[in-house]
Amino acid sequence: MGKKYFIGIDSGTQSTRVIIFDEQGKQICKGVGKHPPLIHDQLNWAEHGEYDAWYGLCEATRSALDQFQGERKDIVAIGLASQRGTVMAVDREGHPLQRPISWMDARMAMEMSPMPEDCDPWYKFCRFYSKANWCKVHRPEVFEAAYKWLTIGGYLGYRLCGVYKDTISNQTGAWPVDRENWCLEKEDWPYECVGIRRDQMAEMVFPGELLGKVTTDGAKLTGFPEGCPVYACMGDKQCEALGAGVIHPGQSYITLGTSVQLSLVGDKMLSSPNRNFLTYLCYQPKIYQYEASLVKGYWLVSWFREQLAKDLEGGAKAIDTNVEALLDMEAQKVPAGSAGLITVPDWQGPRNRANAKGVMLGFDERHGRAHMFRSLVEGISMALKVTTDVMCDEIGTPITSLRIGGGGSRSQVAMQSTADIFNIPTVRVHTSETCSLGAAICAAVGSGAYSGFQEAVDRMVGDNITDIFQPDPENHQLYEGLMDKVYRKIYPMMSPVFDELLALTKDHK
């Protein structure tokens, strides 16, 4: 065999990306399958169409392979990563029984019988937000007919390989996982908490372990080579950090995607009593990823573009760019702090203050669209910094380095304002496709191309640096003042108002 190639699948919320990498982590070609917009039948609901993720994968794969000029026999392995927390039920033939309920969905499930007093508080959270529990109450026909409950990754793995296997590192928050011992819980009550039976679970494997091989049908529909091995990865956010080379304690990674997370790697299982951060299983046993997050992060940029910047499409096309880039150019002309315009980006409130709403505060005659856009970008970084400060205090681990990737990392305003707000040199990684690269790394390790994750990261990620943004002391001082004296005060002051707002409008769609 000559060259070796590894495929990384990133099945996200808005699209699926299928990217072919070589042994050095160089991107050879990429295919993208866009998903239809999420379906919001009711307030706080968010669902995918039944087959959106599968159709997106097929489209992305065919596009990538159409561009591929190497020998398909040299494609050694496939890594499958997917969005976390999106859950669906299937029947005995593997057909969806419902629309997959998105991780962004905020509907509340039933309260079940009392739980053991000494149980992990995590399960109180899981019980309350369980999609299976919600179906048990509101869609009993789905609940009764369910043969398997799957994540999106588990479903795609079944369509590709014909087996019900999934990665244990995509399960925290969805299924009853013993996070200390990296296995499914052995007692019955955790299964009752999330509303499923043991036999409705997929078989769980570690990242880098075999999920299965592409079947004849899977090959026919996607174009993947028949028999090509498919390896387990992690959830998409853990893959993103891995693809950015963040594998040691103190290293951190911000992904500016649909959601925005700051991830820190550590070797202890930690839980936040107030859910200020969440802990996920990472690339190998006893390695964990702590995350501070905004559910609707750079999704807000898409929202802003669609709602307030449609008229820029012609101008963007004329200079061979896109609307987001043009908005960023405009925002670079606005001073740090957006001339006193502050945005709290709670278009969907965090779990510990679900009543929160988005706020833009401080409008006057100086402000136009560019100020609003810059304020939105700054507000995302401010929100992340506030949450990160709490997380770092609780886990006792300071940030020693900061890398940024995801689509939002292309924004100069986002990169510089993040460096200024966090007051730490901020590195833009060499590829925005860190999730797919992380998935390809898992595939490379699983195939035996590398001895372990450290070697694979050294070879496929390397220094991973393109640009370094140094914090501006004056801007940092300004942002510190804005956060301490204004930003942190907005929610406590507005919380009763948000409650009244919800009470007055909840029945008016």
Protein backbone atom coordinates (compact mmCIF):
# COMPACT_ATOMS: atom_id res chain seq x y z
CA MET A 1 0.00 0.00 0.00
CA GLY A 2 1.23 3.49 -0.85
CA LYS A 3 -0.20 6.49 0.90
CA LYS A 4 -2.74 6.06 3.67
CA TYR A 5 -5.86 8.17 3.96
CA PHE A 6 -8.26 8.58 6.86
CA ILE A 7 -11.80 9.92 6.71
CA GLY A 8 -13.27 12.03 9.49
CA ILE A 9 -17.05 12.40 9.68
CA ASP A 10 -18.47 15.37 11.56
CA SER A 11 -22.26 15.06 11.76
CA GLY A 12 -23.30 18.37 13.27
CA THR A 13 -26.46 20.37 13.76
CA GLN A 14 -26.48 22.41 10.56
CA SER A 15 -24.46 20.14 8.29
CA THR A 16 -22.41 16.98 7.92
CA ARG A 17 -18.77 17.23 6.88
CA VAL A 18 -16.82 14.34 5.41
CA ILE A 19 -13.13 15.11 5.06
CA ILE A 20 -10.29 12.98 3.76
CA PHE A 21 -6.90 13.49 5.46
CA ASP A 22 -3.49 12.03 4.77
CA GLU A 23 -1.13 10.57 7.40
CA GLN A 24 0.18 14.03 8.30
CA GLY A 25 -3.30 15.44 8.91
CA LYS A 26 -3.34 17.41 5.66
CA GLN A 27 -6.85 17.96 4.33
CA ILE A 28 -7.11 16.37 0.89
CA CYS A 29 -10.73 17.10 0.06
CA LYS A 30 -14.00 17.91 1.77
CA GLY A 31 -17.66 17.26 1.18
CA VAL A 32 -20.50 19.07 2.94
CA GLY A 33 -24.13 18.01 3.19
CA LYS A 34 -26.32 20.76 4.58
CA HIS A 35 -29.19 19.83 6.87
CA PRO A 36 -32.60 21.48 6.66
CA PRO A 37 -33.28 23.95 9.48
CA LEU A 38 -34.33 22.49 12.80
CA ILE A 39 -38.07 22.07 13.23
CA HIS A 40 -39.59 24.20 16.01
CA ASP A 41 -43.20 23.08 16.32
CA GLN A 42 -43.52 24.67 19.73
CA LEU A 43 -41.59 27.10 21.91
CA ASN A 44 -38.31 25.50 23.11
CA TRP A 45 -38.71 22.51 20.78
CA ALA A 46 -35.96 21.62 18.32
CA GLU A 47 -36.06 18.52 16.13
CA HIS A 48 -34.34 17.21 13.01
CA GLY A 49 -36.21 15.57 10.17
CA GLU A 50 -36.13 11.76 10.51
CA TYR A 51 -33.49 11.22 7.82
CA ASP A 52 -31.74 14.61 7.70
CA ALA A 53 -28.48 13.38 9.25
CA TRP A 54 -28.32 10.30 6.99
CA TYR A 55 -29.07 12.27 3.81
CA GLY A 56 -26.48 14.85 4.86
CA LEU A 57 -23.89 12.12 5.33
CA CYS A 58 -24.64 10.58 1.92
CA GLU A 59 -24.42 13.95 0.18
CA ALA A 60 -21.19 14.94 1.94
CA THR A 61 -19.54 11.58 1.26
CA ARG A 62 -20.37 11.56 -2.44
CA SER A 63 -19.05 15.12 -2.75
CA ALA A 64 -15.77 14.32 -0.99
CA LEU A 65 -15.15 11.13 -2.94
CA ASP A 66 -15.95 12.81 -6.25
CA GLN A 67 -13.03 15.16 -5.56
CA PHE A 68 -10.67 12.47 -4.29
CA GLN A 69 -7.88 11.73 -6.79
CA GLY A 70 -6.16 8.97 -4.83
CA GLU A 71 -6.87 5.26 -4.85
CA ARG A 72 -9.96 4.34 -2.85
CA LYS A 73 -8.22 1.18 -1.70
CA ASP A 74 -5.80 3.46 0.17
CA ILE A 75 -8.62 4.79 2.39
CA VAL A 76 -7.65 2.88 5.52
CA ALA A 77 -10.33 3.81 8.03
CA ILE A 78 -13.28 6.06 8.84
CA GLY A 79 -13.89 7.90 12.12
CA LEU A 80 -17.49 8.77 13.00
CA ALA A 81 -18.17 11.77 15.25
CA SER A 82 -21.55 13.36 15.80
CA GLN A 83 -23.43 15.97 17.72
CA ARG A 84 -24.09 15.02 21.33
CA GLY A 85 -27.37 14.69 23.14
CA THR A 86 -29.58 14.37 20.04
CA VAL A 87 -31.68 11.26 20.63
CA MET A 88 -34.06 9.15 18.56
CA ALA A 89 -35.98 5.89 18.83
CA VAL A 90 -35.94 3.23 16.11
CA ASP A 91 -38.00 0.10 15.48
CA ARG A 92 -36.68 -3.46 14.94
CA GLU A 93 -35.82 -2.67 11.32
CA GLY A 94 -33.87 0.43 12.33
CA HIS A 95 -36.47 2.88 11.03
CA PRO A 96 -36.91 6.12 13.00
CA LEU A 97 -40.08 6.23 15.08
CA GLN A 98 -39.92 10.00 15.58
CA ARG A 99 -37.94 13.02 14.60
CA PRO A 100 -34.59 13.07 16.43
CA ILE A 101 -34.92 15.43 19.39
CA SER A 102 -32.01 17.86 19.22
CA TRP A 103 -29.54 18.64 21.95
CA MET A 104 -30.84 22.21 21.56
CA ASP A 105 -34.35 21.13 22.57
CA ALA A 106 -35.41 22.57 25.92
CA ARG A 107 -38.76 20.86 26.58
CA MET A 108 -39.09 19.45 30.09
CA ALA A 109 -39.77 15.82 30.87
CA MET A 110 -41.82 14.29 33.65
CA GLU A 111 -40.73 14.03 37.24
CA MET A 112 -40.33 10.40 38.17
CA SER A 113 -40.29 8.59 41.48
CA PRO A 114 -37.83 9.77 44.13
CA MET A 115 -34.19 8.87 43.56
CA PRO A 116 -31.68 7.54 46.09
CA GLU A 117 -30.50 10.40 48.28
CA ASP A 118 -26.84 9.58 47.76
CA CYS A 119 -27.03 9.27 43.97
CA ASP A 120 -24.95 11.37 41.61
CA PRO A 121 -26.76 14.71 41.16
CA TRP A 122 -26.00 14.25 37.48
CA TYR A 123 -28.87 11.80 37.25
CA LYS A 124 -31.34 14.30 38.61
CA PHE A 125 -30.33 16.46 35.70
CA CYS A 126 -30.53 13.54 33.25
CA ARG A 127 -33.96 12.51 34.50
CA PHE A 128 -35.38 15.96 34.08
CA TYR A 129 -34.07 16.43 30.54
CA SER A 130 -34.46 12.87 29.25
CA LYS A 131 -36.00 12.63 25.78
CA ALA A 132 -37.15 9.07 26.49
CA ASN A 133 -39.02 10.22 29.58
CA TRP A 134 -40.70 12.94 27.59
CA CYS A 135 -41.83 10.40 24.99
CA LYS A 136 -43.10 8.11 27.75
CA VAL A 137 -45.55 10.84 28.82
CA HIS A 138 -46.33 12.65 25.59
CA ARG A 139 -45.72 10.07 22.84
CA PRO A 140 -46.47 6.72 24.47
CA GLU A 141 -46.88 5.05 21.07
CA VAL A 142 -43.22 5.88 20.32
CA PHE A 143 -42.06 4.82 23.76
CA GLU A 144 -43.82 1.46 23.55
CA ALA A 145 -42.61 0.72 20.01
CA ALA A 146 -38.96 1.69 20.64
CA TYR A 147 -36.52 -1.16 19.97
CA LYS A 148 -33.38 0.95 20.45
CA TRP A 149 -32.73 4.45 21.68
CA LEU A 150 -29.84 5.94 19.74
CA THR A 151 -27.76 9.06 19.39
CA ILE A 152 -27.31 10.46 15.90
CA GLY A 153 -23.89 8.79 15.84
CA GLY A 154 -25.39 5.45 16.85
CA TYR A 155 -27.99 5.73 14.09
CA LEU A 156 -25.44 6.64 11.42
CA GLY A 157 -23.21 3.78 12.57
CA TYR A 158 -26.15 1.41 12.13
CA ARG A 159 -26.88 2.72 8.63
CA LEU A 160 -23.22 2.34 7.64
CA CYS A 161 -22.32 -0.93 9.36
CA GLY A 162 -25.59 -2.67 10.22
CA VAL A 163 -24.76 -2.98 13.93
CA TYR A 164 -25.96 -1.17 17.02
CA LYS A 165 -22.71 0.12 18.45
CA ASP A 166 -21.79 3.56 19.70
CA THR A 167 -18.98 5.30 21.50
CA ILE A 168 -19.22 5.56 25.25
CA SER A 169 -17.61 9.00 24.96
CA ASN A 170 -20.76 10.36 23.30
CA GLN A 171 -23.08 9.16 26.03
CA THR A 172 -22.64 11.35 29.07
CA GLY A 173 -25.94 13.12 29.59
CA ALA A 174 -27.91 10.82 27.32
CA TRP A 175 -27.49 7.36 28.86
CA PRO A 176 -26.67 5.85 32.25
CA VAL A 177 -22.88 5.87 32.17
CA ASP A 178 -20.64 5.20 35.16
CA ARG A 179 -18.23 8.02 34.41
CA GLU A 180 -15.64 6.96 36.98
CA ASN A 181 -15.28 3.47 35.53
CA TRP A 182 -16.11 4.22 31.90
CA CYS A 183 -18.89 1.67 31.53
CA LEU A 184 -22.66 1.49 31.59
CA GLU A 185 -24.19 1.59 35.05
CA LYS A 186 -24.74 -1.82 36.62
CA GLU A 187 -27.70 -0.89 38.84
CA ASP A 188 -31.25 -0.49 37.57
CA TRP A 189 -32.22 2.90 38.93
CA PRO A 190 -30.08 4.96 36.48
CA TYR A 191 -31.91 3.32 33.57
CA GLU A 192 -35.21 4.20 35.20
CA CYS A 193 -34.01 7.79 35.48
CA VAL A 194 -33.57 8.16 31.74
CA GLY A 195 -36.57 6.00 30.86
CA ILE A 196 -34.96 3.12 28.98
CA ARG A 197 -34.19 -0.58 29.43
CA ARG A 198 -30.73 -2.11 29.22
CA ASP A 199 -31.64 -4.07 26.11
CA GLN A 200 -32.57 -0.83 24.34
CA MET A 201 -28.98 0.38 24.53
CA ALA A 202 -26.42 0.12 21.78
CA GLU A 203 -23.21 -1.74 22.62
CA MET A 204 -20.69 0.79 23.95
CA VAL A 205 -17.05 0.88 22.80
CA PHE A 206 -14.11 3.19 23.46
CA PRO A 207 -12.74 5.80 21.03
CA GLY A 208 -10.48 4.11 18.51
CA GLU A 209 -12.34 0.78 18.78
CA LEU A 210 -14.14 -0.77 15.84
CA LEU A 211 -17.80 0.03 15.29
CA GLY A 212 -18.09 -2.20 12.23
CA LYS A 213 -17.36 -2.30 8.51
CA VAL A 214 -19.23 -0.55 5.73
CA THR A 215 -21.90 -2.88 4.40
CA THR A 216 -22.89 -3.40 0.79
CA ASP A 217 -25.93 -1.15 1.28
CA GLY A 218 -23.89 1.44 3.16
CA ALA A 219 -21.33 1.52 0.35
CA LYS A 220 -24.00 1.77 -2.35
CA LEU A 221 -25.73 4.75 -0.72
CA THR A 222 -22.66 6.70 0.43
CA GLY A 223 -19.83 5.72 -1.91
CA PHE A 224 -17.59 4.58 0.94
CA PRO A 225 -15.51 1.51 0.04
CA GLU A 226 -17.36 -1.65 1.04
CA GLY A 227 -15.69 -3.32 3.99
CA CYS A 228 -13.86 -0.17 5.10
CA PRO A 229 -13.59 -0.20 8.92
CA VAL A 230 -15.48 2.48 10.86
CA TYR A 231 -14.06 3.45 14.25
CA ALA A 232 -15.67 4.99 17.30
CA CYS A 233 -14.72 8.53 18.18
CA MET A 234 -16.17 10.86 20.79
CA GLY A 235 -18.80 13.52 20.81
CA ASP A 236 -18.15 16.32 18.35
CA LYS A 237 -16.79 18.76 20.93
CA GLN A 238 -14.26 16.31 22.34
CA CYS A 239 -13.18 15.55 18.76
CA GLU A 240 -12.74 19.25 18.10
CA ALA A 241 -10.37 19.62 21.04
CA LEU A 242 -8.43 16.52 19.97
CA GLY A 243 -8.16 17.85 16.41
CA ALA A 244 -6.76 21.09 17.82
CA GLY A 245 -4.05 19.19 19.68
CA VAL A 246 -5.55 19.82 23.13
CA ILE A 247 -4.83 16.64 25.09
CA HIS A 248 -3.02 17.74 28.28
CA PRO A 249 -4.29 19.37 31.52
CA GLY A 250 -4.37 23.17 31.37
CA GLN A 251 -4.65 23.25 27.58
CA SER A 252 -7.92 24.77 26.43
CA TYR A 253 -9.82 25.04 23.20
CA ILE A 254 -12.70 27.26 22.18
CA THR A 255 -14.89 26.09 19.37
CA LEU A 256 -16.86 28.84 17.70
CA GLY A 257 -19.59 26.79 16.10
CA THR A 258 -23.38 26.50 16.33
CA SER A 259 -22.78 26.21 20.04
CA VAL A 260 -19.71 27.69 21.68
CA GLN A 261 -17.63 25.76 24.19
CA LEU A 262 -14.44 26.30 26.06
CA SER A 263 -12.91 22.92 26.81
CA LEU A 264 -10.28 22.06 29.40
CA VAL A 265 -8.68 18.63 29.63
CA GLY A 266 -8.12 16.91 32.98
CA ASP A 267 -7.63 13.53 34.64
CA LYS A 268 -10.32 13.69 37.34
CA MET A 269 -14.06 13.11 37.16
CA LEU A 270 -15.54 16.36 38.50
CA SER A 271 -19.12 17.60 38.76
CA SER A 272 -20.26 21.18 39.19
CA PRO A 273 -22.88 21.46 41.96
CA ASN A 274 -24.62 24.31 40.12
CA ARG A 275 -24.01 22.92 36.61
CA ASN A 276 -21.65 25.77 35.79
CA PHE A 277 -19.80 23.31 33.61
CA LEU A 278 -20.29 19.76 32.38
CA THR A 279 -17.78 16.91 32.35
CA TYR A 280 -17.50 14.53 29.40
CA LEU A 281 -15.52 11.39 28.73
CA CYS A 282 -12.64 12.09 26.41
CA TYR A 283 -10.32 10.25 24.03
CA GLN A 284 -9.24 7.46 26.38
CA PRO A 285 -10.24 6.11 29.80
CA LYS A 286 -9.62 8.39 32.77
CA ILE A 287 -9.18 11.48 30.58
CA TYR A 288 -12.00 13.99 30.90
CA GLN A 289 -13.09 17.19 29.22
CA TYR A 290 -14.63 20.02 31.24
CA GLU A 291 -16.80 22.40 29.24
CA ALA A 292 -18.25 25.85 29.72
CA SER A 293 -20.71 26.52 26.95
CA LEU A 294 -23.32 28.66 25.23
CA VAL A 295 -26.07 26.57 23.63
CA LYS A 296 -26.70 29.09 20.88
CA GLY A 297 -23.25 30.50 20.21
CA TYR A 298 -22.24 31.31 16.64
CA TRP A 299 -25.69 30.18 15.61
CA LEU A 300 -26.42 33.82 16.50
CA VAL A 301 -24.21 34.96 13.64
CA SER A 302 -26.33 32.90 11.25
CA TRP A 303 -29.44 34.37 12.87
CA PHE A 304 -28.07 37.90 12.48
CA ARG A 305 -27.17 37.29 8.85
CA GLU A 306 -30.61 35.93 7.98
CA GLN A 307 -32.61 38.50 9.90
CA LEU A 308 -30.58 41.70 9.57
CA ALA A 309 -28.05 41.37 6.76
CA LYS A 310 -29.82 39.86 3.74
CA ASP A 311 -29.15 43.05 1.80
CA LEU A 312 -25.39 42.43 1.98
CA GLU A 313 -25.49 39.32 -0.21
CA GLY A 314 -24.95 41.24 -3.44
CA GLY A 315 -22.07 43.30 -2.01
CA ALA A 316 -20.40 40.22 -0.59
CA LYS A 317 -20.64 38.40 -3.90
CA ALA A 318 -19.20 41.38 -5.74
CA ILE A 319 -15.95 41.16 -3.75
CA ASP A 320 -15.90 37.35 -3.77
CA THR A 321 -16.65 36.84 -0.10
CA ASN A 322 -19.63 35.92 2.10
CA VAL A 323 -21.98 37.96 4.25
CA GLU A 324 -20.34 36.91 7.54
CA ALA A 325 -16.93 38.09 6.29
CA LEU A 326 -18.39 41.40 5.13
CA LEU A 327 -20.07 41.91 8.51
CA ASP A 328 -16.74 41.21 10.17
CA MET A 329 -15.03 43.82 7.99
CA GLU A 330 -17.63 46.38 9.02
CA ALA A 331 -17.29 45.44 12.69
CA GLN A 332 -13.50 45.90 12.61
CA LYS A 333 -14.15 49.63 12.08
CA VAL A 334 -16.11 49.78 15.36
CA PRO A 335 -14.05 50.35 18.54
CA ALA A 336 -13.75 47.72 21.26
CA GLY A 337 -16.82 47.84 23.49
CA SER A 338 -19.08 48.70 20.52
CA ALA A 339 -19.50 52.30 21.71
CA GLY A 340 -21.34 51.19 24.85
CA LEU A 341 -23.63 48.60 23.26
CA ILE A 342 -23.62 45.36 25.30
CA THR A 343 -25.23 42.08 24.26
CA VAL A 344 -26.15 39.20 26.56
CA PRO A 345 -26.42 36.32 24.04
CA ASP A 346 -29.09 34.29 25.84
CA TRP A 347 -31.25 33.61 22.78
CA GLN A 348 -31.54 30.29 24.61
CA GLY A 349 -30.80 30.56 28.31
CA PRO A 350 -28.29 28.22 29.95
CA ARG A 351 -29.47 25.22 31.95
CA ASN A 352 -29.11 26.93 35.31
CA ARG A 353 -31.16 29.98 34.27
CA ALA A 354 -33.52 28.78 31.59
CA ASN A 355 -35.75 31.87 31.89
CA ALA A 356 -33.03 34.14 30.49
CA LYS A 357 -33.56 35.98 27.22
CA GLY A 358 -31.22 37.83 24.91
CA VAL A 359 -30.61 41.49 25.68
CA MET A 360 -29.00 44.33 23.75
CA LEU A 361 -28.42 47.21 26.13
CA GLY A 362 -27.24 50.76 25.55
CA PHE A 363 -28.63 51.85 22.16
CA ASP A 364 -28.20 55.45 21.08
CA GLU A 365 -27.88 57.39 17.82
CA ARG A 366 -24.29 56.21 17.24
CA HIS A 367 -25.24 52.60 16.76
CA GLY A 368 -25.84 50.85 13.49
CA ARG A 369 -25.66 47.33 12.19
CA ALA A 370 -21.88 47.08 12.54
CA HIS A 371 -22.11 48.01 16.24
CA MET A 372 -24.84 45.43 16.77
CA PHE A 373 -22.80 42.72 15.08
CA ARG A 374 -19.63 43.53 16.99
CA SER A 375 -21.57 43.68 20.25
CA LEU A 376 -23.03 40.24 19.53
CA VAL A 377 -19.56 38.77 18.91
CA GLU A 378 -18.15 40.46 22.01
CA GLY A 379 -21.12 39.29 24.06
CA ILE A 380 -20.45 35.67 23.12
CA SER A 381 -16.85 35.95 24.39
CA MET A 382 -17.97 37.79 27.54
CA ALA A 383 -20.54 35.13 28.34
CA LEU A 384 -17.95 32.43 27.84
CA LYS A 385 -15.41 34.23 30.02
CA VAL A 386 -17.87 34.62 32.90
CA THR A 387 -18.73 30.92 32.81
CA THR A 388 -15.10 29.88 32.36
CA ASP A 389 -14.00 31.85 35.42
CA VAL A 390 -16.46 29.90 37.56
CA MET A 391 -15.40 26.59 35.99
CA CYS A 392 -11.67 27.20 36.53
CA ASP A 393 -12.31 28.16 40.16
CA GLU A 394 -14.30 24.98 40.77
CA ILE A 395 -11.85 22.57 39.13
CA GLY A 396 -8.74 24.39 40.34
CA THR A 397 -7.07 24.36 36.93
CA PRO A 398 -5.99 27.62 35.28
CA ILE A 399 -5.86 28.03 31.53
CA THR A 400 -2.26 27.77 30.34
CA SER A 401 -2.92 28.04 26.62
CA LEU A 402 -5.88 28.94 24.44
CA ARG A 403 -6.59 27.74 20.91
CA ILE A 404 -9.64 28.63 18.85
CA GLY A 405 -11.24 26.84 15.91
CA GLY A 406 -14.63 26.37 14.30
CA GLY A 407 -16.21 28.53 11.65
CA GLY A 408 -16.23 31.61 13.90
CA SER A 409 -12.43 31.52 14.17
CA ARG A 410 -12.28 33.08 10.70
CA SER A 411 -13.54 36.32 12.28
CA GLN A 412 -10.81 38.83 13.12
CA VAL A 413 -13.16 40.54 15.58
CA ALA A 414 -13.88 37.26 17.36
CA MET A 415 -10.21 36.30 17.63
CA GLN A 416 -8.97 39.68 18.87
CA SER A 417 -11.86 40.37 21.26
CA THR A 418 -11.45 36.89 22.78
CA ALA A 419 -7.73 37.53 23.34
CA ASP A 420 -8.58 40.91 24.91
CA ILE A 421 -11.39 39.57 27.12
CA PHE A 422 -9.46 36.50 28.34
CA ASN A 423 -6.18 38.46 28.51
CA ILE A 424 -4.16 35.57 27.10
CA PRO A 425 -2.44 35.07 23.73
CA THR A 426 -4.97 33.34 21.51
CA VAL A 427 -4.04 30.98 18.69
CA ARG A 428 -6.08 30.33 15.58
CA VAL A 429 -5.60 26.68 14.65
CA HIS A 430 -4.57 25.83 11.11
CA THR A 431 -7.89 24.24 10.21
CA SER A 432 -11.42 25.15 11.19
CA GLU A 433 -12.35 21.49 10.65
CA THR A 434 -10.92 20.23 13.93
CA CYS A 435 -13.83 17.86 14.60
CA SER A 436 -13.27 15.93 11.38
CA LEU A 437 -9.52 15.90 12.04
CA GLY A 438 -10.15 14.57 15.56
CA ALA A 439 -12.36 11.84 14.07
CA ALA A 440 -9.64 10.99 11.55
CA ILE A 441 -7.11 10.76 14.42
CA CYS A 442 -9.38 8.24 16.18
CA ALA A 443 -9.58 6.25 12.95
CA ALA A 444 -5.79 6.37 12.53
CA VAL A 445 -5.20 5.13 16.07
CA GLY A 446 -7.85 2.44 15.70
CA SER A 447 -6.33 1.18 12.45
CA GLY A 448 -2.90 0.83 14.06
CA ALA A 449 -1.30 3.52 11.90
CA TYR A 450 -0.09 5.14 15.13
CA SER A 451 0.71 3.62 18.50
CA GLY A 452 -1.59 5.91 20.42
CA PHE A 453 -3.24 9.31 20.59
CA GLN A 454 -0.08 11.21 21.52
CA GLU A 455 1.80 9.97 18.47
CA ALA A 456 -1.22 10.58 16.22
CA VAL A 457 -1.61 14.15 17.48
CA ASP A 458 2.12 14.80 17.08
CA ARG A 459 2.01 13.59 13.47
CA MET A 460 -1.42 14.81 12.34
CA VAL A 461 -1.79 18.08 14.26
CA GLY A 462 1.75 19.26 15.04
CA ASP A 463 2.03 22.87 16.14
CA ASN A 464 -1.33 23.64 14.50
CA ILE A 465 -0.75 27.37 14.57
CA THR A 466 -1.53 29.98 11.92
CA ASP A 467 -2.08 33.28 13.76
CA ILE A 468 -1.46 34.45 17.31
CA PHE A 469 -3.55 37.33 18.68
CA GLN A 470 -1.94 39.21 21.54
CA PRO A 471 -4.24 40.86 24.09
CA ASP A 472 -4.43 44.65 23.99
CA PRO A 473 -4.01 45.97 27.58
CA GLU A 474 -6.32 48.95 27.05
CA ASN A 475 -9.04 46.85 25.48
CA HIS A 476 -8.72 44.25 28.26
CA GLN A 477 -9.17 46.95 30.89
CA LEU A 478 -12.26 48.23 29.07
CA TYR A 479 -13.80 44.75 28.79
CA GLU A 480 -13.04 43.99 32.45
CA GLY A 481 -14.89 47.14 33.48
CA LEU A 482 -17.84 46.37 31.21
CA MET A 483 -18.12 42.82 32.53
CA ASP A 484 -17.73 43.68 36.22
CA LYS A 485 -19.83 46.84 36.32
CA VAL A 486 -22.49 46.09 33.70
CA TYR A 487 -22.56 42.64 32.10
CA ARG A 488 -22.58 40.52 35.27
CA LYS A 489 -25.40 42.65 36.71
CA ILE A 490 -27.83 42.35 33.80
CA TYR A 491 -29.28 38.89 34.48
CA PRO A 492 -29.76 39.31 38.27
CA MET A 493 -31.59 42.57 37.61
CA MET A 494 -33.62 41.23 34.69
CA SER A 495 -34.54 37.78 36.00
CA PRO A 496 -37.90 38.86 37.54
CA VAL A 497 -38.70 40.71 34.31
CA PHE A 498 -37.95 37.59 32.26
CA ASP A 499 -40.34 35.60 34.47
CA GLU A 500 -43.10 38.16 33.91
CA LEU A 501 -42.38 38.21 30.18
CA LEU A 502 -42.73 34.43 29.94
CA ALA A 503 -45.92 34.41 31.99
CA LEU A 504 -47.52 37.05 29.79
CA THR A 505 -46.54 35.57 26.43
CA LYS A 506 -46.25 31.78 26.83
CA ASP A 507 -49.72 31.15 25.37
CA HIS A 508 -49.18 33.51 22.42
CA LYS A 509 -47.23 31.79 19.62
